[in-house]
Amino acid sequence: MFGGGERPKSPGSTPTDPASIAADESEYELDLLRGEQERLDELAQRQLRYADYAWEPPKQGGERRADDEEAGADPG
């Protein structure tokens, strides 16, 4: 009842062979990639391909913000 035994296999169940599971997964991933290529135009594909190499300016100012109290200042 709570996972104590194996489930009976139905005729449409997925294979348990590791090689066939890997083949099914790679086929599924290829289908996803083909669908993404059809959905996106050339510019969007190029942007996704080179997104890891995009330059970002360094963060300015550090962690402290203007509304933070300064350490060591008397609020008096």
PDB file of N, CA and C in Angstrom:
ATOM      1  N   MET A   1       0.822  -1.192   0.000  1.00  0.00           N
ATOM      2  CA  MET A   1       0.000   0.000   0.000  1.00  0.00           C
ATOM      3  C   MET A   1       0.867   1.257   0.000  1.00  0.00           C
ATOM      4  N   PHE A   2       1.907   1.295   0.821  1.00  0.00           N
ATOM      5  CA  PHE A   2       2.756   2.479   0.905  1.00  0.00           C
ATOM      6  C   PHE A   2       4.135   2.214   0.319  1.00  0.00           C
ATOM      7  N   GLY A   3       4.190   1.611  -0.848  1.00  0.00           N
ATOM      8  CA  GLY A   3       5.454   1.374  -1.516  1.00  0.00           C
ATOM      9  C   GLY A   3       6.175   0.142  -1.035  1.00  0.00           C
ATOM     10  N   GLY A   4       5.499  -0.769  -0.383  1.00  0.00           N
ATOM     11  CA  GLY A   4       6.141  -1.956   0.136  1.00  0.00           C
ATOM     12  C   GLY A   4       6.486  -2.981  -0.916  1.00  0.00           C
ATOM     13  N   GLY A   5       5.850  -2.939  -2.043  1.00  0.00           N
ATOM     14  CA  GLY A   5       6.116  -3.913  -3.092  1.00  0.00           C
ATOM     15  C   GLY A   5       6.197  -3.234  -4.442  1.00  0.00           C
ATOM     16  N   GLU A   6       6.467  -4.043  -5.430  1.00  0.00           N
ATOM     17  CA  GLU A   6       6.537  -3.477  -6.771  1.00  0.00           C
ATOM     18  C   GLU A   6       5.140  -3.292  -7.331  1.00  0.00           C
ATOM     19  N   ARG A   7       5.002  -2.276  -8.147  1.00  0.00           N
ATOM     20  CA  ARG A   7       3.724  -2.047  -8.805  1.00  0.00           C
ATOM     21  C   ARG A   7       3.593  -3.015  -9.971  1.00  0.00           C
ATOM     22  N   PRO A   8       2.389  -3.449 -10.248  1.00  0.00           N
ATOM     23  CA  PRO A   8       2.209  -4.297 -11.430  1.00  0.00           C
ATOM     24  C   PRO A   8       2.461  -3.470 -12.684  1.00  0.00           C
ATOM     25  N   LYS A   9       3.148  -4.061 -13.635  1.00  0.00           N
ATOM     26  CA  LYS A   9       3.494  -3.339 -14.856  1.00  0.00           C
ATOM     27  C   LYS A   9       2.315  -3.349 -15.815  1.00  0.00           C
ATOM     28  N   SER A  10       2.025  -2.178 -16.320  1.00  0.00           N
ATOM     29  CA  SER A  10       0.978  -2.072 -17.321  1.00  0.00           C
ATOM     30  C   SER A  10       1.620  -2.200 -18.697  1.00  0.00           C
ATOM     31  N   PRO A  11       0.847  -2.489 -19.727  1.00  0.00           N
ATOM     32  CA  PRO A  11       1.432  -2.664 -21.061  1.00  0.00           C
ATOM     33  C   PRO A  11       2.139  -1.414 -21.579  1.00  0.00           C
ATOM     34  N   GLY A  12       1.717  -0.233 -21.175  1.00  0.00           N
ATOM     35  CA  GLY A  12       2.335   1.003 -21.646  1.00  0.00           C
ATOM     36  C   GLY A  12       3.347   1.568 -20.682  1.00  0.00           C
ATOM     37  N   SER A  13       3.880   0.757 -19.784  1.00  0.00           N
ATOM     38  CA  SER A  13       4.811   1.276 -18.786  1.00  0.00           C
ATOM     39  C   SER A  13       6.166   1.576 -19.414  1.00  0.00           C
ATOM     40  N   THR A  14       6.940   2.390 -18.747  1.00  0.00           N
ATOM     41  CA  THR A  14       8.254   2.769 -19.250  1.00  0.00           C
ATOM     42  C   THR A  14       9.252   1.642 -19.038  1.00  0.00           C
ATOM     43  N   PRO A  15      10.261   1.536 -19.901  1.00  0.00           N
ATOM     44  CA  PRO A  15      11.250   0.464 -19.752  1.00  0.00           C
ATOM     45  C   PRO A  15      12.144   0.701 -18.547  1.00  0.00           C
ATOM     46  N   THR A  16      12.666  -0.378 -17.981  1.00  0.00           N
ATOM     47  CA  THR A  16      13.542  -0.260 -16.823  1.00  0.00           C
ATOM     48  C   THR A  16      14.995  -0.496 -17.187  1.00  0.00           C
ATOM     49  N   ASP A  17      15.291  -0.765 -18.441  1.00  0.00           N
ATOM     50  CA  ASP A  17      16.656  -0.963 -18.898  1.00  0.00           C
ATOM     51  C   ASP A  17      17.380   0.385 -18.906  1.00  0.00           C
ATOM     52  N   PRO A  18      18.519   0.520 -18.216  1.00  0.00           N
ATOM     53  CA  PRO A  18      19.216   1.814 -18.163  1.00  0.00           C
ATOM     54  C   PRO A  18      19.605   2.360 -19.538  1.00  0.00           C
ATOM     55  N   ALA A  19      19.967   1.489 -20.457  1.00  0.00           N
ATOM     56  CA  ALA A  19      20.353   1.953 -21.799  1.00  0.00           C
ATOM     57  C   ALA A  19      19.156   2.540 -22.537  1.00  0.00           C
ATOM     58  N   SER A  20      17.999   1.897 -22.420  1.00  0.00           N
ATOM     59  CA  SER A  20      16.825   2.421 -23.107  1.00  0.00           C
ATOM     60  C   SER A  20      16.313   3.688 -22.435  1.00  0.00           C
ATOM     61  N   ILE A  21      16.471   3.788 -21.125  1.00  0.00           N
ATOM     62  CA  ILE A  21      16.081   5.020 -20.421  1.00  0.00           C
ATOM     63  C   ILE A  21      16.959   6.175 -20.881  1.00  0.00           C
ATOM     64  N   ALA A  22      18.268   5.949 -20.987  1.00  0.00           N
ATOM     65  CA  ALA A  22      19.184   6.998 -21.449  1.00  0.00           C
ATOM     66  C   ALA A  22      18.870   7.396 -22.885  1.00  0.00           C
ATOM     67  N   ALA A  23      18.542   6.417 -23.733  1.00  0.00           N
ATOM     68  CA  ALA A  23      18.197   6.722 -25.122  1.00  0.00           C
ATOM     69  C   ALA A  23      16.908   7.542 -25.188  1.00  0.00           C
ATOM     70  N   ASP A  24      15.921   7.186 -24.369  1.00  0.00           N
ATOM     71  CA  ASP A  24      14.669   7.941 -24.338  1.00  0.00           C
ATOM     72  C   ASP A  24      14.902   9.370 -23.853  1.00  0.00           C
ATOM     73  N   GLU A  25      15.743   9.538 -22.846  1.00  0.00           N
ATOM     74  CA  GLU A  25      16.026  10.879 -22.329  1.00  0.00           C
ATOM     75  C   GLU A  25      16.745  11.731 -23.360  1.00  0.00           C
ATOM     76  N   SER A  26      17.720  11.154 -24.053  1.00  0.00           N
ATOM     77  CA  SER A  26      18.445  11.935 -25.058  1.00  0.00           C
ATOM     78  C   SER A  26      17.531  12.286 -26.229  1.00  0.00           C
ATOM     79  N   GLU A  27      16.626  11.389 -26.598  1.00  0.00           N
ATOM     80  CA  GLU A  27      15.666  11.688 -27.666  1.00  0.00           C
ATOM     81  C   GLU A  27      14.735  12.817 -27.240  1.00  0.00           C
ATOM     82  N   TYR A  28      14.301  12.785 -25.985  1.00  0.00           N
ATOM     83  CA  TYR A  28      13.429  13.842 -25.460  1.00  0.00           C
ATOM     84  C   TYR A  28      14.150  15.191 -25.452  1.00  0.00           C
ATOM     85  N   GLU A  29      15.418  15.196 -25.029  1.00  0.00           N
ATOM     86  CA  GLU A  29      16.186  16.441 -25.004  1.00  0.00           C
ATOM     87  C   GLU A  29      16.394  16.991 -26.409  1.00  0.00           C
ATOM     88  N   LEU A  30      16.641  16.114 -27.376  1.00  0.00           N
ATOM     89  CA  LEU A  30      16.776  16.564 -28.764  1.00  0.00           C
ATOM     90  C   LEU A  30      15.478  17.161 -29.285  1.00  0.00           C
ATOM     91  N   ASP A  31      14.347  16.561 -28.925  1.00  0.00           N
ATOM     92  CA  ASP A  31      13.057  17.112 -29.320  1.00  0.00           C
ATOM     93  C   ASP A  31      12.850  18.498 -28.722  1.00  0.00           C
ATOM     94  N   LEU A  32      13.269  18.680 -27.456  1.00  0.00           N
ATOM     95  CA  LEU A  32      13.150  19.992 -26.831  1.00  0.00           C
ATOM     96  C   LEU A  32      14.014  21.034 -27.544  1.00  0.00           C
ATOM     97  N   LEU A  33      15.246  20.645 -27.891  1.00  0.00           N
ATOM     98  CA  LEU A  33      16.134  21.567 -28.584  1.00  0.00           C
ATOM     99  C   LEU A  33      15.603  21.934 -29.959  1.00  0.00           C
ATOM    100  N   ARG A  34      15.044  20.962 -30.675  1.00  0.00           N
ATOM    101  CA  ARG A  34      14.465  21.256 -31.997  1.00  0.00           C
ATOM    102  C   ARG A  34      13.276  22.209 -31.867  1.00  0.00           C
ATOM    103  N   GLY A  35      12.452  21.985 -30.872  1.00  0.00           N
ATOM    104  CA  GLY A  35      11.316  22.869 -30.651  1.00  0.00           C
ATOM    105  C   GLY A  35      11.755  24.277 -30.296  1.00  0.00           C
ATOM    106  N   GLU A  36      12.840  24.390 -29.519  1.00  0.00           N
ATOM    107  CA  GLU A  36      13.358  25.712 -29.163  1.00  0.00           C
ATOM    108  C   GLU A  36      13.925  26.417 -30.390  1.00  0.00           C
ATOM    109  N   GLN A  37      14.581  25.692 -31.272  1.00  0.00           N
ATOM    110  CA  GLN A  37      15.111  26.295 -32.489  1.00  0.00           C
ATOM    111  C   GLN A  37      13.994  26.808 -33.385  1.00  0.00           C
ATOM    112  N   GLU A  38      12.899  26.060 -33.454  1.00  0.00           N
ATOM    113  CA  GLU A  38      11.769  26.500 -34.273  1.00  0.00           C
ATOM    114  C   GLU A  38      11.091  27.718 -33.666  1.00  0.00           C
ATOM    115  N   ARG A  39      11.084  27.791 -32.343  1.00  0.00           N
ATOM    116  CA  ARG A  39      10.375  28.867 -31.651  1.00  0.00           C
ATOM    117  C   ARG A  39      11.147  30.176 -31.676  1.00  0.00           C
ATOM    118  N   LEU A  40      12.481  30.107 -31.580  1.00  0.00           N
ATOM    119  CA  LEU A  40      13.290  31.312 -31.466  1.00  0.00           C
ATOM    120  C   LEU A  40      13.886  31.706 -32.809  1.00  0.00           C
ATOM    121  N   ASP A  41      14.002  33.020 -33.020  1.00  0.00           N
ATOM    122  CA  ASP A  41      14.654  33.481 -34.233  1.00  0.00           C
ATOM    123  C   ASP A  41      16.174  33.463 -34.046  1.00  0.00           C
ATOM    124  N   GLU A  42      16.908  33.823 -35.090  1.00  0.00           N
ATOM    125  CA  GLU A  42      18.366  33.724 -35.052  1.00  0.00           C
ATOM    126  C   GLU A  42      18.986  34.619 -33.981  1.00  0.00           C
ATOM    127  N   LEU A  43      18.466  35.831 -33.814  1.00  0.00           N
ATOM    128  CA  LEU A  43      19.006  36.751 -32.821  1.00  0.00           C
ATOM    129  C   LEU A  43      18.841  36.190 -31.407  1.00  0.00           C
ATOM    130  N   ALA A  44      17.664  35.679 -31.083  1.00  0.00           N
ATOM    131  CA  ALA A  44      17.427  35.131 -29.754  1.00  0.00           C
ATOM    132  C   ALA A  44      18.304  33.912 -29.495  1.00  0.00           C
ATOM    133  N   GLN A  45      18.508  33.078 -30.506  1.00  0.00           N
ATOM    134  CA  GLN A  45      19.384  31.912 -30.343  1.00  0.00           C
ATOM    135  C   GLN A  45      20.815  32.349 -30.069  1.00  0.00           C
ATOM    136  N   ARG A  46      21.272  33.382 -30.773  1.00  0.00           N
ATOM    137  CA  ARG A  46      22.630  33.881 -30.570  1.00  0.00           C
ATOM    138  C   ARG A  46      22.787  34.483 -29.182  1.00  0.00           C
ATOM    139  N   GLN A  47      21.769  35.197 -28.725  1.00  0.00           N
ATOM    140  CA  GLN A  47      21.833  35.783 -27.382  1.00  0.00           C
ATOM    141  C   GLN A  47      21.899  34.701 -26.308  1.00  0.00           C
ATOM    142  N   LEU A  48      21.141  33.640 -26.471  1.00  0.00           N
ATOM    143  CA  LEU A  48      21.193  32.542 -25.504  1.00  0.00           C
ATOM    144  C   LEU A  48      22.530  31.823 -25.548  1.00  0.00           C
ATOM    145  N   ARG A  49      23.090  31.671 -26.740  1.00  0.00           N
ATOM    146  CA  ARG A  49      24.353  30.957 -26.882  1.00  0.00           C
ATOM    147  C   ARG A  49      25.495  31.699 -26.201  1.00  0.00           C
ATOM    148  N   TYR A  50      25.497  33.022 -26.300  1.00  0.00           N
ATOM    149  CA  TYR A  50      26.600  33.800 -25.759  1.00  0.00           C
ATOM    150  C   TYR A  50      26.264  34.505 -24.451  1.00  0.00           C
ATOM    151  N   ALA A  51      25.204  34.120 -23.786  1.00  0.00           N
ATOM    152  CA  ALA A  51      24.793  34.784 -22.543  1.00  0.00           C
ATOM    153  C   ALA A  51      25.834  34.618 -21.439  1.00  0.00           C
ATOM    154  N   ASP A  52      26.543  33.497 -21.425  1.00  0.00           N
ATOM    155  CA  ASP A  52      27.556  33.272 -20.389  1.00  0.00           C
ATOM    156  C   ASP A  52      28.751  34.209 -20.554  1.00  0.00           C
ATOM    157  N   TYR A  53      28.957  34.727 -21.757  1.00  0.00           N
ATOM    158  CA  TYR A  53      30.108  35.577 -22.020  1.00  0.00           C
ATOM    159  C   TYR A  53      29.756  37.060 -21.956  1.00  0.00           C
ATOM    160  N   ALA A  54      28.542  37.392 -21.593  1.00  0.00           N
ATOM    161  CA  ALA A  54      28.098  38.784 -21.555  1.00  0.00           C
ATOM    162  C   ALA A  54      28.824  39.541 -20.448  1.00  0.00           C
ATOM    163  N   TRP A  55      29.180  40.776 -20.738  1.00  0.00           N
ATOM    164  CA  TRP A  55      29.886  41.610 -19.771  1.00  0.00           C
ATOM    165  C   TRP A  55      28.855  42.322 -18.911  1.00  0.00           C
ATOM    166  N   GLU A  56      29.088  42.328 -17.617  1.00  0.00           N
ATOM    167  CA  GLU A  56      28.252  43.074 -16.688  1.00  0.00           C
ATOM    168  C   GLU A  56      29.145  44.068 -15.965  1.00  0.00           C
ATOM    169  N   PRO A  57      28.688  45.305 -15.840  1.00  0.00           N
ATOM    170  CA  PRO A  57      29.511  46.285 -15.122  1.00  0.00           C
ATOM    171  C   PRO A  57      29.631  45.896 -13.655  1.00  0.00           C
ATOM    172  N   PRO A  58      30.726  46.304 -13.000  1.00  0.00           N
ATOM    173  CA  PRO A  58      30.871  45.966 -11.577  1.00  0.00           C
ATOM    174  C   PRO A  58      29.808  46.681 -10.743  1.00  0.00           C
ATOM    175  N   LYS A  59      29.420  46.038  -9.658  1.00  0.00           N
ATOM    176  CA  LYS A  59      28.441  46.652  -8.767  1.00  0.00           C
ATOM    177  C   LYS A  59      29.069  47.868  -8.105  1.00  0.00           C
ATOM    178  N   GLN A  60      28.283  48.908  -7.944  1.00  0.00           N
ATOM    179  CA  GLN A  60      28.790  50.147  -7.377  1.00  0.00           C
ATOM    180  C   GLN A  60      28.344  50.305  -5.941  1.00  0.00           C
ATOM    181  N   GLY A  61      29.163  50.897  -5.125  1.00  0.00           N
ATOM    182  CA  GLY A  61      28.771  51.305  -3.793  1.00  0.00           C
ATOM    183  C   GLY A  61      28.954  50.285  -2.692  1.00  0.00           C
ATOM    184  N   GLY A  62      29.079  49.047  -2.986  1.00  0.00           N
ATOM    185  CA  GLY A  62      29.244  48.046  -1.936  1.00  0.00           C
ATOM    186  C   GLY A  62      27.937  47.685  -1.269  1.00  0.00           C
ATOM    187  N   GLU A  63      28.021  47.186  -0.062  1.00  0.00           N
ATOM    188  CA  GLU A  63      26.843  46.699   0.649  1.00  0.00           C
ATOM    189  C   GLU A  63      26.079  47.808   1.360  1.00  0.00           C
ATOM    190  N   ARG A  64      26.750  48.874   1.769  1.00  0.00           N
ATOM    191  CA  ARG A  64      26.129  49.935   2.554  1.00  0.00           C
ATOM    192  C   ARG A  64      25.237  50.803   1.673  1.00  0.00           C
ATOM    193  N   ARG A  65      24.083  51.174   2.182  1.00  0.00           N
ATOM    194  CA  ARG A  65      23.143  52.032   1.462  1.00  0.00           C
ATOM    195  C   ARG A  65      22.975  53.355   2.202  1.00  0.00           C
ATOM    196  N   ALA A  66      22.400  54.339   1.527  1.00  0.00           N
ATOM    197  CA  ALA A  66      22.289  55.692   2.072  1.00  0.00           C
ATOM    198  C   ALA A  66      21.452  55.749   3.333  1.00  0.00           C
ATOM    199  N   ASP A  67      20.447  54.924   3.442  1.00  0.00           N
ATOM    200  CA  ASP A  67      19.574  54.994   4.609  1.00  0.00           C
ATOM    201  C   ASP A  67      20.103  54.158   5.782  1.00  0.00           C
ATOM    202  N   ASP A  68      21.219  53.461   5.607  1.00  0.00           N
ATOM    203  CA  ASP A  68      21.815  52.712   6.711  1.00  0.00           C
ATOM    204  C   ASP A  68      22.496  53.679   7.679  1.00  0.00           C
ATOM    205  N   GLU A  69      22.446  53.336   8.971  1.00  0.00           N
ATOM    206  CA  GLU A  69      23.145  54.144   9.947  1.00  0.00           C
ATOM    207  C   GLU A  69      24.635  53.882   9.850  1.00  0.00           C
ATOM    208  N   GLU A  70      25.397  54.904  10.003  1.00  0.00           N
ATOM    209  CA  GLU A  70      26.855  54.731   9.956  1.00  0.00           C
ATOM    210  C   GLU A  70      27.334  54.133  11.265  1.00  0.00           C
ATOM    211  N   ALA A  71      28.281  53.240  11.183  1.00  0.00           N
ATOM    212  CA  ALA A  71      28.842  52.624  12.371  1.00  0.00           C
ATOM    213  C   ALA A  71      29.685  53.644  13.124  1.00  0.00           C
ATOM    214  N   GLY A  72      29.440  53.794  14.403  1.00  0.00           N
ATOM    215  CA  GLY A  72      30.222  54.698  15.230  1.00  0.00           C
ATOM    216  C   GLY A  72      29.635  56.102  15.334  1.00  0.00           C
ATOM    217  N   ALA A  73      28.591  56.418  14.607  1.00  0.00           N
ATOM    218  CA  ALA A  73      27.983  57.752  14.679  1.00  0.00           C
ATOM    219  C   ALA A  73      26.936  57.761  15.795  1.00  0.00           C
ATOM    220  N   ASP A  74      26.933  58.824  16.608  1.00  0.00           N
ATOM    221  CA  ASP A  74      25.936  58.947  17.669  1.00  0.00           C
ATOM    222  C   ASP A  74      24.657  59.577  17.103  1.00  0.00           C
ATOM    223  N   PRO A  75      23.511  58.928  17.288  1.00  0.00           N
ATOM    224  CA  PRO A  75      22.272  59.483  16.738  1.00  0.00           C
ATOM    225  C   PRO A  75      21.708  60.597  17.615  1.00  0.00           C
ATOM    226  N   GLY A  76      22.486  61.361  18.243  1.00  0.00           N
ATOM    227  CA  GLY A  76      21.993  62.290  19.231  1.00  0.00           C
ATOM    228  C   GLY A  76      21.959  63.658  18.859  1.00  0.00           C
TER     229      GLY A  76
END
